[in-house]
Amino acid sequence: MEQNDINIHQLTDEIYQILHKRMDKLGIAYGIVTEFSYNPEEPPSWIISIENSKIVLTSSILFQYMKQHHNLEDTLTHFMRDHFSYFN
């Protein structure tokens, strides 16, 4: 799946919902901030905080994971497992 095949702006709400659903199940303190640029050509990014840990999910990172996992839910699950010990 190439970056050109997917419109990241169309996926933004779905990404936000999947992340919230995954973290609500953990029952821990977390935060997700979606950052949009004033430049419409620039894709959004997500700042994900769990307790004292913070990571930024950019569209380029998202697309790298999508090449390996092929669907959005699996992509986000593997990203979270790779970056937060709570998901292992």
PDB file of N, CA and C in Angstrom:
ATOM      1  N   MET A   1       0.844  -1.167   0.000  1.00  0.00           N
ATOM      2  CA  MET A   1       0.000   0.000   0.000  1.00  0.00           C
ATOM      3  C   MET A   1       0.894   1.235   0.000  1.00  0.00           C
ATOM      4  N   GLU A   2       0.755   2.066  -0.987  1.00  0.00           N
ATOM      5  CA  GLU A   2       1.581   3.257  -1.097  1.00  0.00           C
ATOM      6  C   GLU A   2       0.901   4.451  -0.455  1.00  0.00           C
ATOM      7  N   GLN A   3       1.694   5.399  -0.057  1.00  0.00           N
ATOM      8  CA  GLN A   3       1.175   6.607   0.574  1.00  0.00           C
ATOM      9  C   GLN A   3       0.194   7.309  -0.356  1.00  0.00           C
ATOM     10  N   ASN A   4       0.422   7.297  -1.634  1.00  0.00           N
ATOM     11  CA  ASN A   4      -0.465   7.959  -2.586  1.00  0.00           C
ATOM     12  C   ASN A   4      -1.827   7.287  -2.681  1.00  0.00           C
ATOM     13  N   ASP A   5      -1.913   6.015  -2.318  1.00  0.00           N
ATOM     14  CA  ASP A   5      -3.166   5.273  -2.412  1.00  0.00           C
ATOM     15  C   ASP A   5      -4.131   5.615  -1.286  1.00  0.00           C
ATOM     16  N   ILE A   6      -3.668   6.286  -0.259  1.00  0.00           N
ATOM     17  CA  ILE A   6      -4.477   6.534   0.931  1.00  0.00           C
ATOM     18  C   ILE A   6      -4.519   8.033   1.194  1.00  0.00           C
ATOM     19  N   ASN A   7      -5.682   8.538   1.454  1.00  0.00           N
ATOM     20  CA  ASN A   7      -5.810   9.931   1.847  1.00  0.00           C
ATOM     21  C   ASN A   7      -5.824   9.984   3.374  1.00  0.00           C
ATOM     22  N   ILE A   8      -4.740  10.453   3.950  1.00  0.00           N
ATOM     23  CA  ILE A   8      -4.584  10.460   5.412  1.00  0.00           C
ATOM     24  C   ILE A   8      -5.661  11.305   6.080  1.00  0.00           C
ATOM     25  N   HIS A   9      -6.101  12.342   5.418  1.00  0.00           N
ATOM     26  CA  HIS A   9      -7.129  13.203   6.004  1.00  0.00           C
ATOM     27  C   HIS A   9      -8.456  12.458   6.149  1.00  0.00           C
ATOM     28  N   GLN A  10      -8.722  11.517   5.257  1.00  0.00           N
ATOM     29  CA  GLN A  10      -9.941  10.716   5.364  1.00  0.00           C
ATOM     30  C   GLN A  10      -9.850   9.718   6.508  1.00  0.00           C
ATOM     31  N   LEU A  11      -8.650   9.319   6.869  1.00  0.00           N
ATOM     32  CA  LEU A  11      -8.452   8.317   7.922  1.00  0.00           C
ATOM     33  C   LEU A  11      -8.334   8.914   9.323  1.00  0.00           C
ATOM     34  N   THR A  12      -8.217  10.224   9.421  1.00  0.00           N
ATOM     35  CA  THR A  12      -7.940  10.868  10.701  1.00  0.00           C
ATOM     36  C   THR A  12      -8.931  10.493  11.788  1.00  0.00           C
ATOM     37  N   ASP A  13     -10.227  10.573  11.519  1.00  0.00           N
ATOM     38  CA  ASP A  13     -11.229  10.221  12.528  1.00  0.00           C
ATOM     39  C   ASP A  13     -11.145   8.750  12.918  1.00  0.00           C
ATOM     40  N   GLU A  14     -10.938   7.894  11.936  1.00  0.00           N
ATOM     41  CA  GLU A  14     -10.847   6.462  12.221  1.00  0.00           C
ATOM     42  C   GLU A  14      -9.612   6.153  13.075  1.00  0.00           C
ATOM     43  N   ILE A  15      -8.500   6.782  12.787  1.00  0.00           N
ATOM     44  CA  ILE A  15      -7.282   6.590  13.578  1.00  0.00           C
ATOM     45  C   ILE A  15      -7.529   7.009  15.023  1.00  0.00           C
ATOM     46  N   TYR A  16      -8.117   8.168  15.200  1.00  0.00           N
ATOM     47  CA  TYR A  16      -8.425   8.689  16.532  1.00  0.00           C
ATOM     48  C   TYR A  16      -9.329   7.723  17.302  1.00  0.00           C
ATOM     49  N   GLN A  17     -10.369   7.206  16.644  1.00  0.00           N
ATOM     50  CA  GLN A  17     -11.300   6.274  17.295  1.00  0.00           C
ATOM     51  C   GLN A  17     -10.618   4.961  17.668  1.00  0.00           C
ATOM     52  N   ILE A  18      -9.798   4.429  16.789  1.00  0.00           N
ATOM     53  CA  ILE A  18      -9.110   3.165  17.077  1.00  0.00           C
ATOM     54  C   ILE A  18      -8.153   3.340  18.256  1.00  0.00           C
ATOM     55  N   LEU A  19      -7.393   4.434  18.256  1.00  0.00           N
ATOM     56  CA  LEU A  19      -6.472   4.675  19.360  1.00  0.00           C
ATOM     57  C   LEU A  19      -7.214   4.793  20.690  1.00  0.00           C
ATOM     58  N   HIS A  20      -8.302   5.536  20.701  1.00  0.00           N
ATOM     59  CA  HIS A  20      -9.079   5.673  21.945  1.00  0.00           C
ATOM     60  C   HIS A  20      -9.646   4.330  22.387  1.00  0.00           C
ATOM     61  N   LYS A  21     -10.167   3.568  21.478  1.00  0.00           N
ATOM     62  CA  LYS A  21     -10.741   2.259  21.813  1.00  0.00           C
ATOM     63  C   LYS A  21      -9.684   1.340  22.429  1.00  0.00           C
ATOM     64  N   ARG A  22      -8.491   1.320  21.831  1.00  0.00           N
ATOM     65  CA  ARG A  22      -7.414   0.459  22.333  1.00  0.00           C
ATOM     66  C   ARG A  22      -6.982   0.873  23.741  1.00  0.00           C
ATOM     67  N   MET A  23      -6.889   2.179  23.980  1.00  0.00           N
ATOM     68  CA  MET A  23      -6.396   2.645  25.276  1.00  0.00           C
ATOM     69  C   MET A  23      -7.468   2.636  26.346  1.00  0.00           C
ATOM     70  N   ASP A  24      -8.713   2.817  25.989  1.00  0.00           N
ATOM     71  CA  ASP A  24      -9.800   2.713  26.970  1.00  0.00           C
ATOM     72  C   ASP A  24      -9.822   1.331  27.608  1.00  0.00           C
ATOM     73  N   LYS A  25      -9.498   0.310  26.822  1.00  0.00           N
ATOM     74  CA  LYS A  25      -9.481  -1.059  27.334  1.00  0.00           C
ATOM     75  C   LYS A  25      -8.415  -1.258  28.409  1.00  0.00           C
ATOM     76  N   LEU A  26      -7.361  -0.457  28.367  1.00  0.00           N
ATOM     77  CA  LEU A  26      -6.266  -0.608  29.333  1.00  0.00           C
ATOM     78  C   LEU A  26      -6.607  -0.050  30.706  1.00  0.00           C
ATOM     79  N   GLY A  27      -7.497   0.914  30.749  1.00  0.00           N
ATOM     80  CA  GLY A  27      -7.875   1.515  32.019  1.00  0.00           C
ATOM     81  C   GLY A  27      -6.770   2.337  32.660  1.00  0.00           C
ATOM     82  N   ILE A  28      -5.968   3.001  31.847  1.00  0.00           N
ATOM     83  CA  ILE A  28      -4.874   3.836  32.358  1.00  0.00           C
ATOM     84  C   ILE A  28      -5.057   5.271  31.863  1.00  0.00           C
ATOM     85  N   ALA A  29      -4.299   6.189  32.459  1.00  0.00           N
ATOM     86  CA  ALA A  29      -4.367   7.588  32.039  1.00  0.00           C
ATOM     87  C   ALA A  29      -3.645   7.753  30.701  1.00  0.00           C
ATOM     88  N   TYR A  30      -4.311   8.410  29.762  1.00  0.00           N
ATOM     89  CA  TYR A  30      -3.697   8.629  28.455  1.00  0.00           C
ATOM     90  C   TYR A  30      -4.247   9.910  27.837  1.00  0.00           C
ATOM     91  N   GLY A  31      -3.596  10.348  26.792  1.00  0.00           N
ATOM     92  CA  GLY A  31      -4.060  11.499  26.038  1.00  0.00           C
ATOM     93  C   GLY A  31      -3.673  11.347  24.582  1.00  0.00           C
ATOM     94  N   ILE A  32      -4.531  11.825  23.710  1.00  0.00           N
ATOM     95  CA  ILE A  32      -4.246  11.815  22.275  1.00  0.00           C
ATOM     96  C   ILE A  32      -4.566  13.201  21.747  1.00  0.00           C
ATOM     97  N   VAL A  33      -3.583  13.806  21.106  1.00  0.00           N
ATOM     98  CA  VAL A  33      -3.789  15.111  20.504  1.00  0.00           C
ATOM     99  C   VAL A  33      -3.514  14.971  19.014  1.00  0.00           C
ATOM    100  N   THR A  34      -4.481  15.336  18.203  1.00  0.00           N
ATOM    101  CA  THR A  34      -4.292  15.349  16.760  1.00  0.00           C
ATOM    102  C   THR A  34      -3.840  16.748  16.368  1.00  0.00           C
ATOM    103  N   GLU A  35      -2.695  16.830  15.719  1.00  0.00           N
ATOM    104  CA  GLU A  35      -2.164  18.124  15.301  1.00  0.00           C
ATOM    105  C   GLU A  35      -2.355  18.305  13.803  1.00  0.00           C
ATOM    106  N   PHE A  36      -2.979  19.417  13.438  1.00  0.00           N
ATOM    107  CA  PHE A  36      -3.173  19.755  12.042  1.00  0.00           C
ATOM    108  C   PHE A  36      -2.327  20.974  11.715  1.00  0.00           C
ATOM    109  N   SER A  37      -1.825  21.026  10.510  1.00  0.00           N
ATOM    110  CA  SER A  37      -1.038  22.163  10.060  1.00  0.00           C
ATOM    111  C   SER A  37      -1.953  23.185   9.389  1.00  0.00           C
ATOM    112  N   TYR A  38      -1.519  24.420   9.387  1.00  0.00           N
ATOM    113  CA  TYR A  38      -2.231  25.449   8.629  1.00  0.00           C
ATOM    114  C   TYR A  38      -2.069  25.232   7.132  1.00  0.00           C
ATOM    115  N   ASN A  39      -1.057  24.478   6.775  1.00  0.00           N
ATOM    116  CA  ASN A  39      -0.821  24.127   5.373  1.00  0.00           C
ATOM    117  C   ASN A  39      -1.631  22.873   5.048  1.00  0.00           C
ATOM    118  N   PRO A  40      -2.639  22.966   4.197  1.00  0.00           N
ATOM    119  CA  PRO A  40      -3.488  21.797   3.909  1.00  0.00           C
ATOM    120  C   PRO A  40      -2.746  20.648   3.228  1.00  0.00           C
ATOM    121  N   GLU A  41      -1.590  20.935   2.678  1.00  0.00           N
ATOM    122  CA  GLU A  41      -0.786  19.887   2.040  1.00  0.00           C
ATOM    123  C   GLU A  41      -0.060  19.014   3.069  1.00  0.00           C
ATOM    124  N   GLU A  42       0.121  19.540   4.253  1.00  0.00           N
ATOM    125  CA  GLU A  42       0.845  18.826   5.303  1.00  0.00           C
ATOM    126  C   GLU A  42      -0.109  17.920   6.071  1.00  0.00           C
ATOM    127  N   PRO A  43       0.217  16.629   6.192  1.00  0.00           N
ATOM    128  CA  PRO A  43      -0.677  15.689   6.883  1.00  0.00           C
ATOM    129  C   PRO A  43      -0.675  15.897   8.393  1.00  0.00           C
ATOM    130  N   PRO A  44      -1.720  15.426   9.053  1.00  0.00           N
ATOM    131  CA  PRO A  44      -1.780  15.540  10.513  1.00  0.00           C
ATOM    132  C   PRO A  44      -0.803  14.574  11.181  1.00  0.00           C
ATOM    133  N   SER A  45      -0.604  14.770  12.468  1.00  0.00           N
ATOM    134  CA  SER A  45       0.162  13.833  13.283  1.00  0.00           C
ATOM    135  C   SER A  45      -0.584  13.674  14.605  1.00  0.00           C
ATOM    136  N   TRP A  46      -0.217  12.659  15.363  1.00  0.00           N
ATOM    137  CA  TRP A  46      -0.889  12.374  16.630  1.00  0.00           C
ATOM    138  C   TRP A  46       0.156  12.293  17.727  1.00  0.00           C
ATOM    139  N   ILE A  47      -0.059  13.015  18.799  1.00  0.00           N
ATOM    140  CA  ILE A  47       0.799  12.921  19.979  1.00  0.00           C
ATOM    141  C   ILE A  47       0.064  12.025  20.965  1.00  0.00           C
ATOM    142  N   ILE A  48       0.682  10.921  21.301  1.00  0.00           N
ATOM    143  CA  ILE A  48       0.060   9.923  22.174  1.00  0.00           C
ATOM    144  C   ILE A  48       0.838   9.892  23.485  1.00  0.00           C
ATOM    145  N   SER A  49       0.148  10.142  24.574  1.00  0.00           N
ATOM    146  CA  SER A  49       0.763  10.134  25.901  1.00  0.00           C
ATOM    147  C   SER A  49       0.093   9.071  26.757  1.00  0.00           C
ATOM    148  N   ILE A  50       0.907   8.253  27.368  1.00  0.00           N
ATOM    149  CA  ILE A  50       0.419   7.271  28.344  1.00  0.00           C
ATOM    150  C   ILE A  50       1.275   7.447  29.580  1.00  0.00           C
ATOM    151  N   GLU A  51       0.615   7.879  30.644  1.00  0.00           N
ATOM    152  CA  GLU A  51       1.282   8.204  31.898  1.00  0.00           C
ATOM    153  C   GLU A  51       2.483   9.101  31.612  1.00  0.00           C
ATOM    154  N   ASN A  52       3.710   8.667  31.830  1.00  0.00           N
ATOM    155  CA  ASN A  52       4.876   9.534  31.644  1.00  0.00           C
ATOM    156  C   ASN A  52       5.562   9.366  30.292  1.00  0.00           C
ATOM    157  N   SER A  53       4.993   8.573  29.409  1.00  0.00           N
ATOM    158  CA  SER A  53       5.592   8.330  28.096  1.00  0.00           C
ATOM    159  C   SER A  53       4.824   9.086  27.019  1.00  0.00           C
ATOM    160  N   LYS A  54       5.577   9.549  26.019  1.00  0.00           N
ATOM    161  CA  LYS A  54       4.943  10.288  24.927  1.00  0.00           C
ATOM    162  C   LYS A  54       5.626   9.914  23.616  1.00  0.00           C
ATOM    163  N   ILE A  55       4.829   9.748  22.558  1.00  0.00           N
ATOM    164  CA  ILE A  55       5.359   9.437  21.230  1.00  0.00           C
ATOM    165  C   ILE A  55       4.529  10.193  20.201  1.00  0.00           C
ATOM    166  N   VAL A  56       5.152  10.553  19.101  1.00  0.00           N
ATOM    167  CA  VAL A  56       4.444  11.214  18.013  1.00  0.00           C
ATOM    168  C   VAL A  56       4.296  10.216  16.874  1.00  0.00           C
ATOM    169  N   LEU A  57       3.068  10.033  16.438  1.00  0.00           N
ATOM    170  CA  LEU A  57       2.772   9.199  15.276  1.00  0.00           C
ATOM    171  C   LEU A  57       2.566  10.129  14.092  1.00  0.00           C
ATOM    172  N   THR A  58       3.491  10.086  13.148  1.00  0.00           N
ATOM    173  CA  THR A  58       3.370  10.887  11.934  1.00  0.00           C
ATOM    174  C   THR A  58       2.793  10.020  10.826  1.00  0.00           C
ATOM    175  N   SER A  59       2.354  10.652   9.771  1.00  0.00           N
ATOM    176  CA  SER A  59       1.796   9.881   8.657  1.00  0.00           C
ATOM    177  C   SER A  59       2.871   9.013   8.010  1.00  0.00           C
ATOM    178  N   SER A  60       4.113   9.465   7.966  1.00  0.00           N
ATOM    179  CA  SER A  60       5.163   8.636   7.362  1.00  0.00           C
ATOM    180  C   SER A  60       5.403   7.371   8.191  1.00  0.00           C
ATOM    181  N   ILE A  61       5.372   7.487   9.514  1.00  0.00           N
ATOM    182  CA  ILE A  61       5.497   6.306  10.375  1.00  0.00           C
ATOM    183  C   ILE A  61       4.289   5.400  10.170  1.00  0.00           C
ATOM    184  N   LEU A  62       3.108   5.984  10.129  1.00  0.00           N
ATOM    185  CA  LEU A  62       1.887   5.218   9.916  1.00  0.00           C
ATOM    186  C   LEU A  62       1.961   4.422   8.617  1.00  0.00           C
ATOM    187  N   PHE A  63       2.407   5.051   7.536  1.00  0.00           N
ATOM    188  CA  PHE A  63       2.486   4.360   6.246  1.00  0.00           C
ATOM    189  C   PHE A  63       3.522   3.252   6.253  1.00  0.00           C
ATOM    190  N   GLN A  64       4.619   3.427   6.996  1.00  0.00           N
ATOM    191  CA  GLN A  64       5.603   2.349   7.113  1.00  0.00           C
ATOM    192  C   GLN A  64       4.983   1.119   7.782  1.00  0.00           C
ATOM    193  N   TYR A  65       4.221   1.349   8.838  1.00  0.00           N
ATOM    194  CA  TYR A  65       3.539   0.240   9.518  1.00  0.00           C
ATOM    195  C   TYR A  65       2.455  -0.368   8.622  1.00  0.00           C
ATOM    196  N   MET A  66       1.772   0.450   7.849  1.00  0.00           N
ATOM    197  CA  MET A  66       0.714  -0.066   6.978  1.00  0.00           C
ATOM    198  C   MET A  66       1.272  -0.967   5.892  1.00  0.00           C
ATOM    199  N   LYS A  67       2.489  -0.726   5.464  1.00  0.00           N
ATOM    200  CA  LYS A  67       3.119  -1.597   4.466  1.00  0.00           C
ATOM    201  C   LYS A  67       3.274  -3.013   5.010  1.00  0.00           C
ATOM    202  N   GLN A  68       3.467  -3.137   6.307  1.00  0.00           N
ATOM    203  CA  GLN A  68       3.671  -4.439   6.938  1.00  0.00           C
ATOM    204  C   GLN A  68       2.369  -5.097   7.382  1.00  0.00           C
ATOM    205  N   HIS A  69       1.368  -4.318   7.768  1.00  0.00           N
ATOM    206  CA  HIS A  69       0.201  -4.893   8.438  1.00  0.00           C
ATOM    207  C   HIS A  69      -1.113  -4.771   7.671  1.00  0.00           C
ATOM    208  N   HIS A  70      -1.158  -3.985   6.640  1.00  0.00           N
ATOM    209  CA  HIS A  70      -2.234  -3.951   5.654  1.00  0.00           C
ATOM    210  C   HIS A  70      -3.593  -3.418   6.089  1.00  0.00           C
ATOM    211  N   ASN A  71      -3.925  -3.389   7.360  1.00  0.00           N
ATOM    212  CA  ASN A  71      -5.179  -2.730   7.746  1.00  0.00           C
ATOM    213  C   ASN A  71      -4.899  -1.798   8.918  1.00  0.00           C
ATOM    214  N   LEU A  72      -5.735  -0.823   9.059  1.00  0.00           N
ATOM    215  CA  LEU A  72      -5.475   0.262   9.993  1.00  0.00           C
ATOM    216  C   LEU A  72      -5.458  -0.196  11.451  1.00  0.00           C
ATOM    217  N   GLU A  73      -6.381  -1.047  11.831  1.00  0.00           N
ATOM    218  CA  GLU A  73      -6.426  -1.497  13.228  1.00  0.00           C
ATOM    219  C   GLU A  73      -5.171  -2.283  13.609  1.00  0.00           C
ATOM    220  N   ASP A  74      -4.747  -3.212  12.755  1.00  0.00           N
ATOM    221  CA  ASP A  74      -3.517  -3.967  13.022  1.00  0.00           C
ATOM    222  C   ASP A  74      -2.299  -3.050  13.022  1.00  0.00           C
ATOM    223  N   THR A  75      -2.289  -2.095  12.104  1.00  0.00           N
ATOM    224  CA  THR A  75      -1.195  -1.137  12.022  1.00  0.00           C
ATOM    225  C   THR A  75      -1.033  -0.380  13.335  1.00  0.00           C
ATOM    226  N   LEU A  76      -2.128   0.163  13.843  1.00  0.00           N
ATOM    227  CA  LEU A  76      -2.072   0.937  15.081  1.00  0.00           C
ATOM    228  C   LEU A  76      -1.761   0.067  16.287  1.00  0.00           C
ATOM    229  N   THR A  77      -2.277  -1.151  16.303  1.00  0.00           N
ATOM    230  CA  THR A  77      -1.978  -2.085  17.396  1.00  0.00           C
ATOM    231  C   THR A  77      -0.481  -2.377  17.450  1.00  0.00           C
ATOM    232  N   HIS A  78       0.125  -2.664  16.306  1.00  0.00           N
ATOM    233  CA  HIS A  78       1.562  -2.968  16.288  1.00  0.00           C
ATOM    234  C   HIS A  78       2.395  -1.738  16.628  1.00  0.00           C
ATOM    235  N   PHE A  79       1.982  -0.582  16.156  1.00  0.00           N
ATOM    236  CA  PHE A  79       2.687   0.649  16.524  1.00  0.00           C
ATOM    237  C   PHE A  79       2.672   0.832  18.038  1.00  0.00           C
ATOM    238  N   MET A  80       1.515   0.668  18.653  1.00  0.00           N
ATOM    239  CA  MET A  80       1.387   0.848  20.099  1.00  0.00           C
ATOM    240  C   MET A  80       2.206  -0.198  20.848  1.00  0.00           C
ATOM    241  N   ARG A  81       2.200  -1.430  20.390  1.00  0.00           N
ATOM    242  CA  ARG A  81       3.001  -2.480  21.036  1.00  0.00           C
ATOM    243  C   ARG A  81       4.489  -2.178  20.956  1.00  0.00           C
ATOM    244  N   ASP A  82       4.919  -1.628  19.827  1.00  0.00           N
ATOM    245  CA  ASP A  82       6.331  -1.324  19.644  1.00  0.00           C
ATOM    246  C   ASP A  82       6.814  -0.154  20.498  1.00  0.00           C
ATOM    247  N   HIS A  83       5.890   0.730  20.898  1.00  0.00           N
ATOM    248  CA  HIS A  83       6.293   1.961  21.584  1.00  0.00           C
ATOM    249  C   HIS A  83       5.864   2.076  23.046  1.00  0.00           C
ATOM    250  N   PHE A  84       4.911   1.264  23.465  1.00  0.00           N
ATOM    251  CA  PHE A  84       4.433   1.342  24.840  1.00  0.00           C
ATOM    252  C   PHE A  84       4.386  -0.047  25.448  1.00  0.00           C
ATOM    253  N   SER A  85       5.014  -0.216  26.594  1.00  0.00           N
ATOM    254  CA  SER A  85       5.064  -1.521  27.256  1.00  0.00           C
ATOM    255  C   SER A  85       3.697  -2.011  27.700  1.00  0.00           C
ATOM    256  N   TYR A  86       2.725  -1.115  27.832  1.00  0.00           N
ATOM    257  CA  TYR A  86       1.384  -1.492  28.270  1.00  0.00           C
ATOM    258  C   TYR A  86       0.701  -2.432  27.280  1.00  0.00           C
ATOM    259  N   PHE A  87       1.142  -2.466  26.055  1.00  0.00           N
ATOM    260  CA  PHE A  87       0.498  -3.260  25.019  1.00  0.00           C
ATOM    261  C   PHE A  87       1.155  -4.598  24.805  1.00  0.00           C
ATOM    262  N   ASN A  88       2.192  -4.937  25.552  1.00  0.00           N
ATOM    263  CA  ASN A  88       2.866  -6.224  25.361  1.00  0.00           C
ATOM    264  C   ASN A  88       2.292  -7.301  26.218  1.00  0.00           C
TER     265      ASN A  88
END
